[in-house]
């Protein structure tokens, strides 16, 4: 009887198939509070917040143990914005 290559590996595939382990379930990640702040970053800084971290256009501000994350968009750029703007969110 002539055996082909596919017949040779077929038993290995059948044996190895059920032995493949499933990855353990990953627990769900809790949601982070992300509340929009109506004030611009400049008003927050003038009101007593201080910059505690900066990375690119993102800044983390702190005041009294409460943190706000702001993203600054400079004037110009691809949008041709006339002024620098910021979007801020409270995280706690």
N, C-alpha and C. Protein backbone atom coordinates (compact mmCIF):
# COMPACT_ATOMS: atom_id res chain seq x y z
N UNK A 1 0.83 -1.16 0.00
CA UNK A 1 0.00 0.00 0.00
C UNK A 1 0.88 1.24 0.00
N UNK A 2 0.53 2.18 -0.82
CA UNK A 2 1.32 3.41 -0.93
C UNK A 2 0.79 4.46 0.03
N UNK A 3 1.70 5.04 0.84
CA UNK A 3 1.31 6.07 1.78
C UNK A 3 1.81 7.41 1.27
N UNK A 4 0.98 8.40 1.37
CA UNK A 4 1.41 9.73 0.95
C UNK A 4 1.85 10.50 2.19
N UNK A 5 2.46 11.62 1.94
CA UNK A 5 2.94 12.45 3.04
C UNK A 5 1.79 12.89 3.94
N UNK A 6 0.65 13.21 3.36
CA UNK A 6 -0.48 13.65 4.18
C UNK A 6 -0.97 12.55 5.11
N UNK A 7 -0.90 11.28 4.67
CA UNK A 7 -1.32 10.18 5.54
C UNK A 7 -0.31 9.98 6.69
N UNK A 8 0.92 10.31 6.44
CA UNK A 8 1.94 10.15 7.47
C UNK A 8 1.73 11.13 8.61
N UNK A 9 1.37 12.37 8.31
CA UNK A 9 1.21 13.39 9.34
C UNK A 9 -0.19 13.47 9.92
N UNK A 10 -1.14 12.84 9.31
CA UNK A 10 -2.52 12.89 9.79
C UNK A 10 -2.65 12.40 11.23
N UNK A 11 -2.05 11.25 11.62
CA UNK A 11 -2.17 10.83 13.01
C UNK A 11 -1.56 11.84 13.98
N UNK A 12 -0.47 12.51 13.60
CA UNK A 12 0.13 13.51 14.46
C UNK A 12 -0.79 14.70 14.66
N UNK A 13 -1.46 15.11 13.62
CA UNK A 13 -2.38 16.23 13.71
C UNK A 13 -3.55 15.86 14.61
N UNK A 14 -4.07 14.67 14.45
CA UNK A 14 -5.21 14.25 15.26
C UNK A 14 -4.83 14.12 16.73
N UNK A 15 -3.62 13.65 16.99
CA UNK A 15 -3.17 13.50 18.37
C UNK A 15 -2.88 14.87 18.98
N UNK A 16 -2.25 15.75 18.22
CA UNK A 16 -1.86 17.05 18.76
C UNK A 16 -3.05 17.99 18.88
N UNK A 17 -4.07 17.81 18.09
CA UNK A 17 -5.22 18.70 18.10
C UNK A 17 -5.84 18.89 19.47
N UNK A 18 -6.30 17.84 20.14
CA UNK A 18 -6.94 18.03 21.42
C UNK A 18 -5.98 18.46 22.54
N UNK A 19 -4.70 18.28 22.36
CA UNK A 19 -3.74 18.60 23.40
C UNK A 19 -3.41 20.09 23.46
N UNK A 20 -3.92 20.88 22.51
CA UNK A 20 -3.62 22.31 22.50
C UNK A 20 -4.32 22.96 23.69
N UNK A 21 -3.55 23.63 24.50
CA UNK A 21 -4.10 24.26 25.71
C UNK A 21 -4.81 25.56 25.36
N UNK A 22 -5.87 25.82 26.06
CA UNK A 22 -6.58 27.08 25.88
C UNK A 22 -5.99 28.10 26.85
N UNK A 23 -5.92 29.33 26.38
CA UNK A 23 -5.40 30.40 27.24
C UNK A 23 -6.37 30.62 28.39
N UNK A 24 -5.84 30.89 29.57
CA UNK A 24 -6.73 31.14 30.71
C UNK A 24 -7.55 32.40 30.47
N UNK A 25 -8.73 32.44 31.00
CA UNK A 25 -9.60 33.61 30.85
C UNK A 25 -8.96 34.81 31.53
N UNK A 26 -9.00 35.93 30.85
CA UNK A 26 -8.44 37.16 31.38
C UNK A 26 -9.54 37.87 32.16
N UNK A 27 -9.28 38.26 33.38
CA UNK A 27 -10.32 38.96 34.14
C UNK A 27 -10.66 40.29 33.47
N UNK A 28 -11.90 40.72 33.55
CA UNK A 28 -12.26 41.99 32.91
C UNK A 28 -11.52 43.15 33.56
N UNK A 29 -11.19 44.12 32.74
CA UNK A 29 -10.49 45.30 33.25
C UNK A 29 -11.53 46.30 33.75
N UNK A 30 -11.36 46.82 34.96
CA UNK A 30 -12.34 47.78 35.49
C UNK A 30 -12.30 49.10 34.71
N UNK A 31 -13.43 49.73 34.61
CA UNK A 31 -13.53 51.00 33.89
C UNK A 31 -12.87 52.11 34.71
N UNK A 32 -12.24 53.03 34.02
CA UNK A 32 -11.61 54.18 34.65
C UNK A 32 -12.56 55.37 34.54
N UNK A 33 -12.68 56.12 35.62
CA UNK A 33 -13.48 57.34 35.58
C UNK A 33 -12.83 58.31 34.60
N UNK A 34 -13.61 58.87 33.71
CA UNK A 34 -13.08 59.77 32.68
C UNK A 34 -14.14 60.84 32.45
N UNK A 35 -14.15 61.86 33.33
CA UNK A 35 -15.19 62.88 33.31
C UNK A 35 -14.66 64.13 32.62
N UNK A 36 -15.34 64.59 31.56
CA UNK A 36 -14.88 65.80 30.88
C UNK A 36 -14.87 67.01 31.81
N UNK A 37 -13.87 67.85 31.64
CA UNK A 37 -13.74 69.11 32.40
C UNK A 37 -13.99 70.22 31.40
N UNK A 38 -14.86 71.13 31.75
CA UNK A 38 -15.22 72.22 30.83
C UNK A 38 -14.16 73.31 30.76
N UNK A 39 -13.28 73.38 31.75
CA UNK A 39 -12.25 74.41 31.79
C UNK A 39 -11.06 74.01 30.93
N UNK A 40 -10.40 74.99 30.30
CA UNK A 40 -9.17 74.68 29.57
C UNK A 40 -8.02 74.45 30.56
N UNK A 41 -6.97 73.85 30.08
CA UNK A 41 -5.81 73.56 30.93
C UNK A 41 -5.26 74.82 31.57
N UNK A 42 -5.23 75.92 30.85
CA UNK A 42 -4.69 77.17 31.40
C UNK A 42 -5.50 77.62 32.62
N UNK A 43 -6.82 77.48 32.59
CA UNK A 43 -7.64 77.86 33.74
C UNK A 43 -7.38 76.94 34.93
N UNK A 44 -7.18 75.65 34.67
CA UNK A 44 -6.87 74.71 35.75
C UNK A 44 -5.54 75.07 36.41
N UNK A 45 -4.54 75.40 35.61
CA UNK A 45 -3.23 75.79 36.16
C UNK A 45 -3.34 77.09 36.94
N UNK A 46 -4.10 78.04 36.43
CA UNK A 46 -4.29 79.31 37.14
C UNK A 46 -5.11 79.11 38.42
N UNK A 47 -5.89 78.04 38.50
CA UNK A 47 -6.70 77.76 39.67
C UNK A 47 -6.02 76.90 40.71
N UNK A 48 -4.75 76.57 40.52
CA UNK A 48 -4.01 75.85 41.55
C UNK A 48 -3.54 74.46 41.18
N UNK A 49 -3.94 73.93 40.03
CA UNK A 49 -3.42 72.63 39.60
C UNK A 49 -1.95 72.79 39.23
N UNK A 50 -1.20 71.71 39.33
CA UNK A 50 0.21 71.74 38.92
C UNK A 50 0.46 70.56 37.98
N UNK A 51 1.39 70.72 37.07
CA UNK A 51 1.75 69.66 36.14
C UNK A 51 2.63 68.66 36.88
N UNK A 52 2.23 67.39 36.88
CA UNK A 52 3.03 66.35 37.54
C UNK A 52 3.63 65.37 36.53
N UNK A 53 3.14 65.42 35.28
CA UNK A 53 3.66 64.53 34.25
C UNK A 53 3.33 65.12 32.88
N UNK A 54 4.25 64.91 31.94
CA UNK A 54 4.02 65.37 30.57
C UNK A 54 4.63 64.36 29.61
N UNK A 55 3.87 64.05 28.57
CA UNK A 55 4.35 63.13 27.54
C UNK A 55 3.73 63.56 26.22
N UNK A 56 4.56 64.16 25.36
CA UNK A 56 4.03 64.65 24.09
C UNK A 56 3.00 65.74 24.35
N UNK A 57 1.83 65.63 23.73
CA UNK A 57 0.81 66.67 23.95
C UNK A 57 -0.06 66.41 25.18
N UNK A 58 0.23 65.36 25.95
CA UNK A 58 -0.60 65.02 27.12
C UNK A 58 0.08 65.46 28.42
N UNK A 59 -0.74 66.02 29.32
CA UNK A 59 -0.26 66.50 30.60
C UNK A 59 -1.14 65.93 31.70
N UNK A 60 -0.55 65.55 32.82
CA UNK A 60 -1.30 65.15 34.00
C UNK A 60 -1.15 66.25 35.03
N UNK A 61 -2.29 66.75 35.49
CA UNK A 61 -2.30 67.82 36.49
C UNK A 61 -2.81 67.26 37.80
N UNK A 62 -2.39 67.87 38.91
CA UNK A 62 -2.82 67.41 40.23
C UNK A 62 -3.12 68.61 41.11
N UNK A 63 -4.14 68.45 41.93
CA UNK A 63 -4.48 69.45 42.95
C UNK A 63 -5.22 68.74 44.06
N UNK A 64 -4.63 68.72 45.24
CA UNK A 64 -5.28 68.11 46.40
C UNK A 64 -5.57 66.63 46.24
N UNK A 65 -4.69 65.90 45.56
CA UNK A 65 -4.88 64.46 45.38
C UNK A 65 -5.84 64.09 44.27
N UNK A 66 -6.35 65.05 43.53
CA UNK A 66 -7.24 64.80 42.40
C UNK A 66 -6.45 65.06 41.11
N UNK A 67 -6.63 64.17 40.15
CA UNK A 67 -5.85 64.23 38.92
C UNK A 67 -6.72 64.53 37.71
N UNK A 68 -6.15 65.30 36.79
CA UNK A 68 -6.80 65.66 35.53
C UNK A 68 -5.79 65.39 34.43
N UNK A 69 -6.24 64.76 33.36
CA UNK A 69 -5.38 64.53 32.19
C UNK A 69 -5.85 65.48 31.09
N UNK A 70 -4.90 66.22 30.51
CA UNK A 70 -5.22 67.17 29.45
C UNK A 70 -4.41 66.85 28.20
N UNK A 71 -5.03 67.07 27.07
CA UNK A 71 -4.33 66.97 25.79
C UNK A 71 -4.36 68.35 25.16
N UNK A 72 -3.19 68.85 24.77
CA UNK A 72 -3.07 70.17 24.18
C UNK A 72 -2.91 70.02 22.67
N UNK A 73 -3.67 70.82 21.95
CA UNK A 73 -3.56 70.84 20.48
C UNK A 73 -3.09 72.23 20.08
N UNK A 74 -1.84 72.34 19.60
CA UNK A 74 -1.30 73.65 19.26
C UNK A 74 -1.97 74.25 18.03
N UNK A 75 -1.89 75.56 17.94
CA UNK A 75 -2.41 76.26 16.77
C UNK A 75 -1.68 75.80 15.52
N UNK A 76 -2.35 75.93 14.38
CA UNK A 76 -1.75 75.52 13.11
C UNK A 76 -1.96 74.04 12.88
N UNK A 77 -0.95 73.36 12.43
CA UNK A 77 -1.05 71.93 12.17
C UNK A 77 -1.89 71.64 10.94
N UNK A 78 -2.26 70.41 10.78
CA UNK A 78 -3.02 69.99 9.59
C UNK A 78 -4.44 70.58 9.58
N UNK A 79 -4.96 70.87 10.76
CA UNK A 79 -6.32 71.43 10.82
C UNK A 79 -6.33 72.93 10.58
N UNK A 80 -5.18 73.55 10.66
CA UNK A 80 -5.09 74.99 10.46
C UNK A 80 -5.79 75.77 11.56
N UNK A 81 -5.77 75.26 12.79
CA UNK A 81 -6.44 75.92 13.90
C UNK A 81 -5.82 77.28 14.17
N UNK A 82 -6.67 78.23 14.52
CA UNK A 82 -6.19 79.59 14.78
C UNK A 82 -5.62 79.76 16.19
N UNK A 83 -5.98 78.87 17.11
CA UNK A 83 -5.51 79.02 18.48
C UNK A 83 -5.21 77.66 19.10
N UNK A 84 -4.42 77.66 20.17
CA UNK A 84 -4.10 76.45 20.90
C UNK A 84 -5.30 76.10 21.78
N UNK A 85 -5.69 74.83 21.77
CA UNK A 85 -6.83 74.37 22.58
C UNK A 85 -6.40 73.21 23.45
N UNK A 86 -7.23 72.88 24.44
CA UNK A 86 -6.95 71.72 25.29
C UNK A 86 -8.27 71.02 25.61
N UNK A 87 -8.16 69.72 25.82
CA UNK A 87 -9.29 68.90 26.26
C UNK A 87 -8.84 68.20 27.53
N UNK A 88 -9.60 68.34 28.61
CA UNK A 88 -9.20 67.77 29.89
C UNK A 88 -10.29 66.85 30.46
N UNK A 89 -9.84 65.84 31.22
CA UNK A 89 -10.74 64.88 31.86
C UNK A 89 -10.25 64.57 33.27
N UNK A 90 -11.19 64.52 34.21
CA UNK A 90 -10.88 64.09 35.58
C UNK A 90 -10.80 62.57 35.59
N UNK A 91 -9.83 62.03 36.34
CA UNK A 91 -9.69 60.58 36.45
C UNK A 91 -9.97 60.06 37.85
N UNK A 92 -10.19 60.95 38.81
CA UNK A 92 -10.61 60.51 40.16
C UNK A 92 -11.30 61.64 40.88
